[in-house]
Amino acid sequence: MNKILQIVPRVPGGLDGVGDYALTIASKLRVKFGVTTVFATPEISSVTNAGGFEVRPLNQSFGAKEFDRVILHYVNYGYQKRGVPFGLLSILRQMRRRHSFKLLTIFHELYASGPPWRSEFWLQPIQIHITRSIACLSDNCIVSSENFFSELHRLVPDVRTLLHPTPSGLEEPSLSPEQIAKRDPHRWVIVGGTVLAERSLRSFARAIALIPESIAPRALIVLGGNENSVVRSLLADLVRSPRRHSAWRGIECDYRPRIAASEASDALSTCSYAWIDYFHQPDVETSVVLKSSAFAAACAHAVIPTFPHRGTPISIAGDRLPGPFFVESSGYEVPNAEDRPKVGQAIYDWYQLRASSDQLVCGISVALELNP
């Protein structure tokens, strides 16, 4: 069988974390194993195309002999606005009854949590029920961090699980030590989807005065997401407001929404530090950021991820990623200009060993019993 079905929340492409993840897998499987991917999503009602791959409506019937391997990208809020996708669970059960196939579920999320005045607090038991049910239907699962790994095994003790961080959605360039070392330490970047980019820019503006002078931002690139008037307004305000930091005078701001992955990769390769405001709640274990393709993109380009608050160590199999680095009102821990090349190189090396898409697809091939 030379076809794989990938189920995704929406049509892949456009610096969309889960979609880019799925496209990366599809491209690598085609090159390494000669396998063709067909995507299916509940977002559409007719067949379309993304990145050179066919995309079908999820409710379209599939022939019993068309696919013997299926990859499900599970993001509970991606399939249902309250994070309780019973419709998806029903479709999977029907597919299991009608066809024989291997199911690999990539859990980008397990379930949500929140305070009592938010819906996720009350819906969490239902979300957990759906997660447990999908894990039980799966032959293998993939999670992105050790805390997700532990939690999934708590929910389903006998589940077969692989651990692999989300890879970069913006290519994975081969960088020499010289290319990493020669960068301007005053060049910063914010990368990610529309919501992440706006949230990160807001906290970045508040933190500018706290960033050490030797790496103070003199250029800022904002990459990805859809066109956002709020982001443009915030950038204009920063340019007009040098009072925030002496080094802020004359800063160059470059906003590139809906940018092609190759162009974004080229821009990212010129930057030294990335500002990432990923967490809604600062008490979440920092390793959860391993499910972020924006964080992975920074690491893959030897750009030093920097957060607006302190965090907990990030590691895979005891191999710790440098950091986490932060800048907050009570202090900061971030490499200075002199140490930046060494730290950037260490982050880049860690990514190649622990988080690259080649490593991911190797694990997927084992789980799905693919032969090169």
Protein backbone atom coordinates (compact mmCIF):
# COMPACT_ATOMS: atom_id res chain seq x y z
CA MET A 1 0.00 0.00 0.00
CA ASN A 2 1.48 3.36 -1.04
CA LYS A 3 -1.12 5.73 0.41
CA ILE A 4 -1.58 7.17 3.89
CA LEU A 5 -4.58 9.12 5.15
CA GLN A 6 -3.83 12.05 7.48
CA ILE A 7 -6.80 13.50 9.37
CA VAL A 8 -6.30 17.19 10.22
CA PRO A 9 -8.54 19.90 11.75
CA ARG A 10 -8.26 22.22 8.72
CA VAL A 11 -6.68 22.45 5.29
CA PRO A 12 -2.90 22.47 5.89
CA GLY A 13 -0.60 25.36 5.03
CA GLY A 14 0.19 28.98 5.84
CA LEU A 15 2.25 28.82 9.05
CA ASP A 16 -0.47 26.79 10.71
CA GLY A 17 1.27 24.71 13.38
CA VAL A 18 -0.63 21.44 13.04
CA GLY A 19 -1.07 21.81 9.28
CA ASP A 20 2.62 22.51 8.75
CA TYR A 21 3.45 19.50 10.92
CA ALA A 22 1.22 17.32 8.76
CA LEU A 23 2.66 18.68 5.51
CA THR A 24 6.20 18.06 6.77
CA ILE A 25 5.32 14.43 7.48
CA ALA A 26 3.66 14.06 4.07
CA SER A 27 6.67 15.48 2.23
CA LYS A 28 9.17 13.35 4.15
CA LEU A 29 7.13 10.16 3.71
CA ARG A 30 6.95 10.78 -0.04
CA VAL A 31 10.70 11.33 -0.36
CA LYS A 32 11.92 8.64 2.03
CA PHE A 33 9.32 5.91 1.53
CA GLY A 34 7.52 6.68 -1.73
CA VAL A 35 4.26 7.05 0.19
CA THR A 36 1.50 9.36 -1.03
CA THR A 37 -0.52 11.26 1.57
CA VAL A 38 -4.18 12.18 1.26
CA PHE A 39 -5.51 14.63 3.82
CA ALA A 40 -9.03 14.66 5.26
CA THR A 41 -10.59 17.50 7.23
CA PRO A 42 -14.09 18.43 8.46
CA GLU A 43 -13.42 22.03 7.36
CA ILE A 44 -14.34 21.49 3.69
CA SER A 45 -17.22 20.01 1.71
CA SER A 46 -15.41 19.34 -1.58
CA VAL A 47 -12.00 18.09 -2.64
CA THR A 48 -9.16 20.62 -2.77
CA ASN A 49 -5.36 20.70 -2.76
CA ALA A 50 -2.68 21.80 -0.28
CA GLY A 51 1.06 21.75 -0.87
CA GLY A 52 0.63 19.36 -3.79
CA PHE A 53 -1.48 16.89 -1.78
CA GLU A 54 -5.15 16.01 -2.18
CA VAL A 55 -7.46 17.17 0.63
CA ARG A 56 -10.87 15.54 1.05
CA PRO A 57 -13.87 16.19 3.28
CA LEU A 58 -13.61 14.02 6.39
CA ASN A 59 -17.12 12.64 5.98
CA GLN A 60 -16.33 11.33 2.49
CA SER A 61 -16.33 7.53 2.47
CA PHE A 62 -13.03 5.74 1.88
CA GLY A 63 -12.68 2.44 0.10
CA ALA A 64 -11.76 -0.51 2.25
CA LYS A 65 -8.58 -1.11 0.23
CA GLU A 66 -7.57 2.52 -0.28
CA PHE A 67 -5.77 3.09 3.04
CA ASP A 68 -4.28 0.65 5.49
CA ARG A 69 -2.54 3.34 7.53
CA VAL A 70 -4.09 6.45 9.07
CA ILE A 71 -2.49 9.31 11.01
CA LEU A 72 -4.82 11.37 13.18
CA HIS A 73 -3.67 14.81 14.31
CA TYR A 74 -5.66 15.31 17.49
CA VAL A 75 -6.31 18.87 18.65
CA ASN A 76 -9.56 18.82 20.56
CA TYR A 77 -10.43 22.49 19.97
CA GLY A 78 -9.46 22.13 16.33
CA TYR A 79 -12.36 19.78 15.69
CA GLN A 80 -14.98 21.31 18.00
CA LYS A 81 -15.16 24.82 19.45
CA ARG A 82 -15.64 23.56 23.03
CA GLY A 83 -12.96 20.91 22.73
CA VAL A 84 -15.38 17.97 22.83
CA PRO A 85 -15.25 16.45 19.30
CA PHE A 86 -17.72 13.58 19.71
CA GLY A 87 -18.30 13.71 15.94
CA LEU A 88 -14.64 12.88 15.29
CA LEU A 89 -14.77 10.02 17.79
CA SER A 90 -17.88 8.64 16.07
CA ILE A 91 -16.19 8.76 12.66
CA LEU A 92 -13.13 6.92 13.99
CA ARG A 93 -15.31 4.21 15.52
CA GLN A 94 -17.16 3.77 12.23
CA MET A 95 -13.88 3.54 10.34
CA ARG A 96 -12.64 0.92 12.80
CA ARG A 97 -15.79 -1.16 12.32
CA ARG A 98 -15.69 -1.01 8.52
CA HIS A 99 -11.99 -1.21 7.70
CA SER A 100 -8.78 -2.77 8.90
CA PHE A 101 -5.94 -0.25 9.24
CA LYS A 102 -3.18 0.91 11.56
CA LEU A 103 -4.06 4.13 13.40
CA LEU A 104 -1.31 6.42 14.67
CA THR A 105 -2.64 9.35 16.73
CA ILE A 106 -0.46 12.39 17.23
CA PHE A 107 -1.74 14.13 20.35
CA HIS A 108 -0.99 17.81 19.89
CA GLU A 109 -3.29 18.34 22.89
CA LEU A 110 -4.69 16.00 25.53
CA TYR A 111 -7.26 18.19 27.28
CA ALA A 112 -7.61 21.73 28.56
CA SER A 113 -7.68 23.14 32.08
CA GLY A 114 -8.81 26.46 33.47
CA PRO A 115 -10.48 28.28 36.38
CA PRO A 116 -14.11 27.53 37.38
CA TRP A 117 -15.46 30.52 35.46
CA ARG A 118 -14.23 29.10 32.14
CA SER A 119 -15.89 26.32 30.17
CA GLU A 120 -12.79 24.13 30.00
CA PHE A 121 -12.97 23.62 33.77
CA TRP A 122 -16.40 22.01 33.47
CA LEU A 123 -15.73 20.23 30.19
CA GLN A 124 -12.40 18.72 31.22
CA PRO A 125 -13.89 15.33 32.28
CA ILE A 126 -15.54 15.01 28.87
CA GLN A 127 -12.36 16.04 27.09
CA ILE A 128 -10.42 13.42 29.07
CA HIS A 129 -13.02 10.79 28.17
CA ILE A 130 -12.59 11.54 24.45
CA THR A 131 -8.80 11.54 24.70
CA ARG A 132 -8.86 8.19 26.48
CA SER A 133 -11.27 6.75 23.90
CA ILE A 134 -9.15 7.86 20.94
CA ALA A 135 -5.98 6.51 22.57
CA CYS A 136 -7.70 3.15 23.05
CA LEU A 137 -8.69 3.10 19.37
CA SER A 138 -5.10 3.82 18.31
CA ASP A 139 -2.37 1.30 17.62
CA ASN A 140 0.31 3.84 18.51
CA CYS A 141 0.41 7.43 19.76
CA ILE A 142 2.90 10.29 19.63
CA VAL A 143 3.20 13.07 22.21
CA SER A 144 5.58 16.02 22.26
CA SER A 145 6.84 16.19 25.85
CA GLU A 146 7.60 14.02 28.85
CA ASN A 147 4.75 15.47 30.90
CA PHE A 148 2.29 14.65 28.07
CA PHE A 149 3.81 11.16 27.92
CA SER A 150 3.28 10.61 31.64
CA GLU A 151 -0.26 11.98 31.59
CA LEU A 152 -1.36 9.87 28.63
CA HIS A 153 -0.03 6.75 30.34
CA ARG A 154 -1.89 7.73 33.49
CA LEU A 155 -5.11 7.90 31.48
CA VAL A 156 -4.42 4.74 29.43
CA PRO A 157 -1.70 2.68 31.14
CA ASP A 158 -1.15 0.19 28.30
CA VAL A 159 -1.08 2.72 25.45
CA ARG A 160 1.88 2.43 23.04
CA THR A 161 3.46 5.88 22.94
CA LEU A 162 6.38 7.54 21.20
CA LEU A 163 7.85 10.81 22.46
CA HIS A 164 8.88 13.39 19.88
CA PRO A 165 8.77 17.20 19.98
CA THR A 166 6.92 19.05 17.26
CA PRO A 167 9.39 19.89 14.46
CA SER A 168 9.88 23.23 12.77
CA GLY A 169 7.20 24.31 10.32
CA LEU A 170 9.66 26.66 8.59
CA GLU A 171 12.22 24.30 7.09
CA GLU A 172 15.35 23.03 8.82
CA PRO A 173 18.41 24.70 7.29
CA SER A 174 21.93 23.34 7.48
CA LEU A 175 23.88 26.02 9.34
CA SER A 176 27.62 26.29 9.83
CA PRO A 177 29.12 27.63 13.07
CA GLU A 178 30.20 30.70 11.11
CA GLN A 179 26.64 31.39 9.95
CA ILE A 180 25.42 31.22 13.54
CA ALA A 181 28.27 33.27 14.98
CA LYS A 182 28.12 36.23 12.59
CA ARG A 183 24.56 37.32 13.41
CA ASP A 184 23.67 40.71 14.84
CA PRO A 185 22.87 40.19 18.57
CA HIS A 186 20.40 43.09 18.41
CA ARG A 187 18.18 41.36 15.85
CA TRP A 188 15.03 39.84 17.36
CA VAL A 189 12.11 37.91 15.89
CA ILE A 190 8.54 36.97 16.79
CA VAL A 191 7.22 34.01 14.82
CA GLY A 192 3.93 32.12 14.89
CA GLY A 193 0.24 32.23 14.11
CA THR A 194 -1.97 35.30 14.38
CA VAL A 195 -2.87 34.96 18.07
CA LEU A 196 0.61 33.95 19.23
CA ALA A 197 2.26 36.78 17.27
CA GLU A 198 -0.04 39.42 18.76
CA ARG A 199 0.27 38.13 22.33
CA SER A 200 4.05 37.90 22.01
CA LEU A 201 4.34 41.41 20.60
CA ARG A 202 2.29 42.86 23.47
CA SER A 203 4.53 41.34 26.14
CA PHE A 204 7.67 42.13 24.13
CA ALA A 205 6.76 45.82 24.15
CA ARG A 206 6.43 45.71 27.94
CA ALA A 207 9.77 43.92 28.34
CA ILE A 208 11.94 46.05 26.07
CA ALA A 209 13.27 48.24 28.87
CA LEU A 210 14.31 45.11 30.79
CA ILE A 211 16.42 43.54 28.05
CA PRO A 212 20.19 43.93 28.66
CA GLU A 213 21.88 46.67 26.67
CA SER A 214 24.31 44.32 24.92
CA ILE A 215 21.42 42.53 23.17
CA ALA A 216 18.79 45.29 23.25
CA PRO A 217 16.50 45.07 20.20
CA ARG A 218 17.41 47.32 17.29
CA ALA A 219 15.56 45.28 14.69
CA LEU A 220 12.38 43.22 15.06
CA ILE A 221 10.82 40.90 12.50
CA VAL A 222 7.29 39.54 13.00
CA LEU A 223 6.68 36.45 10.86
CA GLY A 224 3.50 34.51 10.17
CA GLY A 225 -0.18 34.59 10.94
CA ASN A 226 -2.81 36.47 9.00
CA GLU A 227 -2.74 40.20 8.34
CA ASN A 228 -3.48 41.82 11.71
CA SER A 229 -4.19 45.53 12.14
CA VAL A 230 -3.49 45.25 15.87
CA VAL A 231 0.05 44.00 15.19
CA ARG A 232 0.64 46.84 12.75
CA SER A 233 -0.63 49.34 15.31
CA LEU A 234 1.58 47.92 18.05
CA LEU A 235 4.64 48.05 15.81
CA ALA A 236 3.89 51.63 14.82
CA ASP A 237 3.57 52.55 18.49
CA LEU A 238 6.93 50.96 19.27
CA VAL A 239 8.65 52.91 16.50
CA ARG A 240 7.11 56.15 17.77
CA SER A 241 7.91 55.45 21.44
CA PRO A 242 11.68 55.49 22.10
CA ARG A 243 11.00 56.24 25.77
CA ARG A 244 10.79 52.53 26.50
CA HIS A 245 14.52 51.90 26.12
CA SER A 246 17.46 54.00 25.01
CA ALA A 247 18.40 51.40 22.42
CA TRP A 248 14.88 51.44 20.97
CA ARG A 249 15.52 54.64 19.01
CA GLY A 250 15.69 53.94 15.33
CA ILE A 251 14.53 50.33 15.60
CA GLU A 252 13.58 48.69 12.33
CA CYS A 253 10.29 46.76 12.37
CA ASP A 254 9.45 44.31 9.61
CA TYR A 255 6.01 42.64 9.60
CA ARG A 256 5.50 39.73 7.20
CA PRO A 257 2.14 37.95 7.61
CA ARG A 258 1.22 35.01 5.36
CA ILE A 259 4.85 34.61 4.39
CA ALA A 260 6.06 31.55 2.51
CA ALA A 261 7.95 29.05 4.65
CA SER A 262 11.16 29.42 2.63
CA GLU A 263 11.13 33.21 2.98
CA ALA A 264 10.37 32.96 6.69
CA SER A 265 13.27 30.53 7.08
CA ASP A 266 15.64 32.92 5.34
CA ALA A 267 14.54 35.77 7.62
CA LEU A 268 14.74 33.65 10.74
CA SER A 269 18.30 32.63 9.88
CA THR A 270 19.40 36.25 10.31
CA CYS A 271 18.04 36.61 13.86
CA SER A 272 19.66 36.04 17.24
CA TYR A 273 16.77 35.95 19.73
CA ALA A 274 13.09 34.96 19.49
CA TRP A 275 10.46 36.32 21.85
CA ILE A 276 7.79 33.67 22.56
CA ASP A 277 4.80 34.36 24.81
CA TYR A 278 3.35 30.88 24.45
CA PHE A 279 1.66 30.21 27.78
CA HIS A 280 -1.70 31.56 28.88
CA GLN A 281 -0.73 30.57 32.42
CA PRO A 282 2.90 31.03 33.57
CA ASP A 283 2.71 28.08 36.00
CA VAL A 284 2.52 25.51 33.17
CA GLU A 285 5.63 23.35 32.79
CA THR A 286 7.83 24.97 30.17
CA SER A 287 8.37 21.64 28.37
CA VAL A 288 4.82 21.98 27.03
CA VAL A 289 6.30 24.45 24.54
CA LEU A 290 7.76 21.43 22.74
CA LYS A 291 4.40 21.16 21.00
CA SER A 292 4.90 24.58 19.41
CA SER A 293 6.15 24.66 15.82
CA ALA A 294 7.12 28.32 16.35
CA PHE A 295 9.42 27.34 19.22
CA ALA A 296 10.80 24.50 17.11
CA ALA A 297 11.42 26.88 14.21
CA ALA A 298 13.53 29.10 16.45
CA CYS A 299 15.59 26.14 17.65
CA ALA A 300 16.01 24.76 14.12
CA HIS A 301 17.48 28.12 13.04
CA ALA A 302 19.80 28.51 16.07
CA VAL A 303 17.71 31.42 17.36
CA ILE A 304 17.58 31.63 21.16
CA PRO A 305 13.96 31.33 22.46
CA THR A 306 13.23 33.86 25.19
CA PHE A 307 10.11 33.89 27.38
CA PRO A 308 8.42 36.65 29.40
CA HIS A 309 8.70 34.65 32.63
CA ARG A 310 10.87 32.07 34.37
CA GLY A 311 10.37 28.46 33.45
CA THR A 312 11.20 24.87 34.24
CA PRO A 313 13.84 22.75 32.44
CA ILE A 314 13.14 21.34 28.98
CA SER A 315 14.65 17.95 28.25
CA ILE A 316 14.19 14.74 26.27
CA ALA A 317 15.60 11.49 27.67
CA GLY A 318 17.67 13.45 30.16
CA ASP A 319 19.23 15.62 27.44
CA ARG A 320 18.50 19.18 28.50
CA LEU A 321 17.95 22.04 26.08
CA PRO A 322 19.87 25.21 27.10
CA GLY A 323 17.64 27.53 29.11
CA PRO A 324 14.82 28.24 29.39
CA PHE A 325 15.77 31.89 29.01
CA PHE A 326 13.55 34.74 30.15
CA VAL A 327 13.22 38.46 30.74
CA GLU A 328 10.81 39.61 33.44
CA SER A 329 10.43 42.49 35.88
CA SER A 330 12.21 40.67 38.70
CA GLY A 331 15.26 39.83 36.61
CA TYR A 332 16.47 38.02 33.53
CA GLU A 333 18.49 35.06 32.36
CA VAL A 334 19.45 35.32 28.72
CA PRO A 335 22.81 34.86 26.97
CA ASN A 336 24.76 38.06 26.37
CA ALA A 337 26.22 38.99 23.00
CA GLU A 338 29.49 37.19 23.68
CA ASP A 339 27.85 33.91 24.72
CA ARG A 340 25.09 33.99 22.12
CA PRO A 341 26.91 32.04 19.33
CA LYS A 342 27.83 29.18 21.68
CA VAL A 343 24.31 28.92 23.10
CA GLY A 344 22.70 29.22 19.67
CA GLN A 345 24.92 26.41 18.41
CA ALA A 346 23.99 24.20 21.38
CA ILE A 347 20.27 24.80 20.76
CA TYR A 348 20.70 24.01 17.07
CA ASP A 349 22.59 20.78 17.85
CA TRP A 350 19.96 19.70 20.40
CA TYR A 351 17.23 20.24 17.83
CA GLN A 352 19.00 18.15 15.20
CA LEU A 353 19.40 15.27 17.65
CA ARG A 354 16.06 15.42 19.48
CA ALA A 355 13.43 17.27 17.47
CA SER A 356 14.14 17.23 13.73
CA SER A 357 11.54 16.08 11.24
CA ASP A 358 13.87 13.29 10.08
CA GLN A 359 13.85 11.87 13.62
CA LEU A 360 10.06 12.20 13.73
CA VAL A 361 9.45 10.45 10.41
CA CYS A 362 11.82 7.66 11.43
CA GLY A 363 9.62 7.05 14.49
CA ILE A 364 6.46 7.22 12.38
CA SER A 365 7.86 4.69 9.92
CA VAL A 366 8.47 2.24 12.76
CA ALA A 367 5.02 2.81 14.24
CA LEU A 368 3.32 2.29 10.88
CA GLU A 369 5.70 -0.47 9.75
CA LEU A 370 6.85 1.31 6.61
CA ASN A 371 9.77 0.01 4.60
CA PRO A 372 12.09 2.39 2.71
